[in-house]
Protein backbone atom coordinates (compact mmCIF):
# COMPACT_ATOMS: atom_id res chain seq x y z
CA MET A 1 -43.78 55.99 29.61
CA SER A 2 -46.86 54.98 31.68
CA ASP A 3 -46.42 51.31 31.71
CA PRO A 4 -43.50 50.22 33.75
CA ASP A 5 -42.76 47.24 31.88
CA ILE A 6 -41.88 49.40 28.90
CA LEU A 7 -38.75 51.23 29.34
CA PRO A 8 -37.32 53.81 27.06
CA VAL A 9 -33.59 53.80 26.92
CA LEU A 10 -31.40 57.24 26.47
CA THR A 11 -27.62 57.19 26.67
CA ALA A 12 -25.24 60.01 26.25
CA GLY A 13 -23.00 57.30 24.62
CA ALA A 14 -24.99 57.91 21.21
CA PRO A 15 -26.68 60.87 19.71
CA ALA A 16 -29.98 62.10 21.10
CA PRO A 17 -33.23 61.47 19.22
CA GLY A 18 -34.12 64.11 16.77
CA GLY A 19 -37.72 63.63 16.89
CA HIS A 20 -40.70 61.93 18.58
CA TYR A 21 -38.96 58.53 19.44
CA THR A 22 -36.49 57.28 21.75
CA GLN A 23 -33.02 55.57 21.14
CA ALA A 24 -34.35 52.11 22.21
CA ILE A 25 -37.31 50.61 24.14
CA VAL A 26 -36.94 47.54 26.36
CA HIS A 27 -39.65 45.33 26.68
CA GLY A 28 -39.92 41.37 27.77
CA GLY A 29 -36.29 41.06 27.72
CA LEU A 30 -35.96 42.43 24.13
CA VAL A 31 -34.35 45.75 23.01
CA TYR A 32 -35.86 47.44 20.11
CA VAL A 33 -33.11 49.95 18.81
CA SER A 34 -34.46 52.83 16.76
CA GLY A 35 -32.97 53.61 13.61
CA GLN A 36 -29.58 54.87 13.84
CA LEU A 37 -27.69 57.52 11.51
CA PRO A 38 -24.06 58.13 11.49
CA THR A 39 -24.28 61.06 13.53
CA VAL A 40 -21.62 61.95 16.36
CA VAL A 41 -22.60 63.06 19.87
CA GLY A 42 -21.99 66.86 19.86
CA ALA A 43 -20.70 67.16 16.44
CA PRO A 44 -22.32 68.73 13.51
CA HIS A 45 -23.91 66.60 10.66
CA ASP A 46 -21.41 65.27 8.27
CA PRO A 47 -23.28 63.48 5.36
CA GLY A 48 -20.17 63.94 3.05
CA ALA A 49 -17.74 61.30 5.15
CA PRO A 50 -16.85 58.21 3.17
CA PHE A 51 -19.58 55.17 3.50
CA GLU A 52 -16.94 53.20 5.93
CA THR A 53 -16.61 56.03 8.32
CA GLN A 54 -20.41 56.54 8.09
CA LEU A 55 -21.03 52.64 8.68
CA ARG A 56 -18.40 52.53 11.84
CA ARG A 57 -20.29 55.55 13.41
CA VAL A 58 -23.70 53.67 13.00
CA LEU A 59 -22.32 50.61 14.52
CA ALA A 60 -20.71 52.53 17.45
CA ASN A 61 -23.93 54.33 18.25
CA LEU A 62 -25.62 50.93 17.98
CA ASP A 63 -23.10 49.56 20.42
CA ALA A 64 -23.56 52.38 22.98
CA ILE A 65 -27.32 52.07 23.06
CA LEU A 66 -27.25 48.21 23.62
CA ALA A 67 -24.65 48.57 26.31
CA ALA A 68 -27.27 50.99 27.98
CA SER A 69 -29.84 48.65 27.53
CA GLY A 70 -28.23 45.64 29.19
CA SER A 71 -27.42 43.96 25.95
CA GLY A 72 -24.61 43.94 23.33
CA PRO A 73 -23.75 43.00 19.94
CA ASP A 74 -23.57 39.46 20.93
CA ARG A 75 -26.91 39.50 21.62
CA LEU A 76 -28.47 40.96 18.37
CA LEU A 77 -31.36 38.99 17.14
CA LYS A 78 -32.46 40.86 13.91
CA VAL A 79 -30.77 43.82 12.10
CA THR A 80 -32.19 46.05 9.20
CA ALA A 81 -29.82 48.20 7.28
CA TYR A 82 -30.80 50.77 4.94
CA ILE A 83 -27.97 51.53 2.61
CA VAL A 84 -27.74 54.15 -0.45
CA GLY A 85 -25.97 53.01 -3.57
CA GLY A 86 -25.62 49.40 -4.61
CA ALA A 87 -21.77 50.07 -4.89
CA ASN A 88 -21.76 50.25 -0.86
CA TRP A 89 -22.99 47.02 -0.42
CA PRO A 90 -19.44 45.05 -0.61
CA ALA A 91 -18.09 47.57 2.16
CA PHE A 92 -21.30 47.09 4.22
CA ASN A 93 -20.69 43.43 4.17
CA ARG A 94 -17.22 43.63 4.99
CA LEU A 95 -17.42 46.11 7.73
CA TYR A 96 -20.42 44.45 9.20
CA ALA A 97 -18.72 41.14 9.36
CA GLU A 98 -15.64 42.50 11.00
CA HIS A 99 -17.68 44.32 13.56
CA LEU A 100 -19.87 41.40 14.55
CA GLY A 101 -17.20 38.49 14.00
CA GLU A 102 -19.18 35.35 14.80
CA THR A 103 -22.31 36.78 15.63
CA ARG A 104 -24.69 36.50 12.87
CA PRO A 105 -28.22 37.70 13.71
CA ALA A 106 -31.03 37.61 11.11
CA ARG A 107 -30.52 40.62 8.68
CA SER A 108 -32.20 42.69 5.83
CA VAL A 109 -30.03 45.00 3.78
CA VAL A 110 -32.51 47.45 2.04
CA PRO A 111 -31.24 49.59 -0.68
CA VAL A 112 -32.71 52.84 -0.51
CA PRO A 113 -32.46 56.02 -3.08
CA GLU A 114 -31.76 58.42 -0.06
CA LEU A 115 -31.67 58.94 3.75
CA HIS A 116 -32.23 61.81 6.07
CA TYR A 117 -29.52 64.62 5.86
CA GLY A 118 -27.88 63.01 2.98
CA TYR A 119 -26.46 59.98 4.89
CA LEU A 120 -25.56 56.85 3.28
CA VAL A 121 -26.60 54.23 5.93
CA GLU A 122 -29.01 53.84 8.84
CA ILE A 123 -29.38 50.64 11.14
CA ASP A 124 -32.13 49.53 13.52
CA ALA A 125 -31.98 46.36 15.50
CA ILE A 126 -33.75 44.00 17.82
CA ALA A 127 -31.45 42.35 20.67
CA ALA A 128 -31.98 40.28 23.50
CA GLN A 129 -30.92 41.78 26.84
CA ARG A 130 -28.40 39.92 29.24
CA PRO A 131 -30.04 37.37 31.61
CA ALA A 132 -30.19 39.15 35.23
CA SER A 133 -27.65 37.57 37.65
CA PRO A 134 -28.51 34.98 40.11
CA SER A 135 -28.72 37.54 42.91
CA GLY A 136 -31.66 39.19 40.88
CA THR A 137 -29.66 42.45 40.27
CA GLU A 138 -29.67 43.95 36.74
CA PRO A 139 -26.59 42.88 34.49
CA THR A 140 -23.91 45.15 33.86
CA ALA A 141 -23.06 45.68 30.10
């Protein structure tokens, strides 16, 4: 990117983007995470995995991107989840709550008829970066 205040994020800890986008963008102390599918680094697509497995994979990808951005799940401000099938809603709520614990960002859950590759869940998010340390160096995730 040409603007030094807008920083793309790319970590090997999450699947590389499959299109014309980056895993996340950092600007003004905020992290904008692109939609994450339940793909696994170096593995073929597996849309046949159970919903719970897919959701855990998405959350792991989200966590890896947040860490690489100088943030973390405890810094989430807004989460948008797209899920296929209303029957998956209770499992989503349960696993999401287990994963985030006391962290309760603003959230939207959007039921959709289908997602790319036949997956059952996709999540995008906005988070705050951790404050810079007093010495002015970047925080470590």
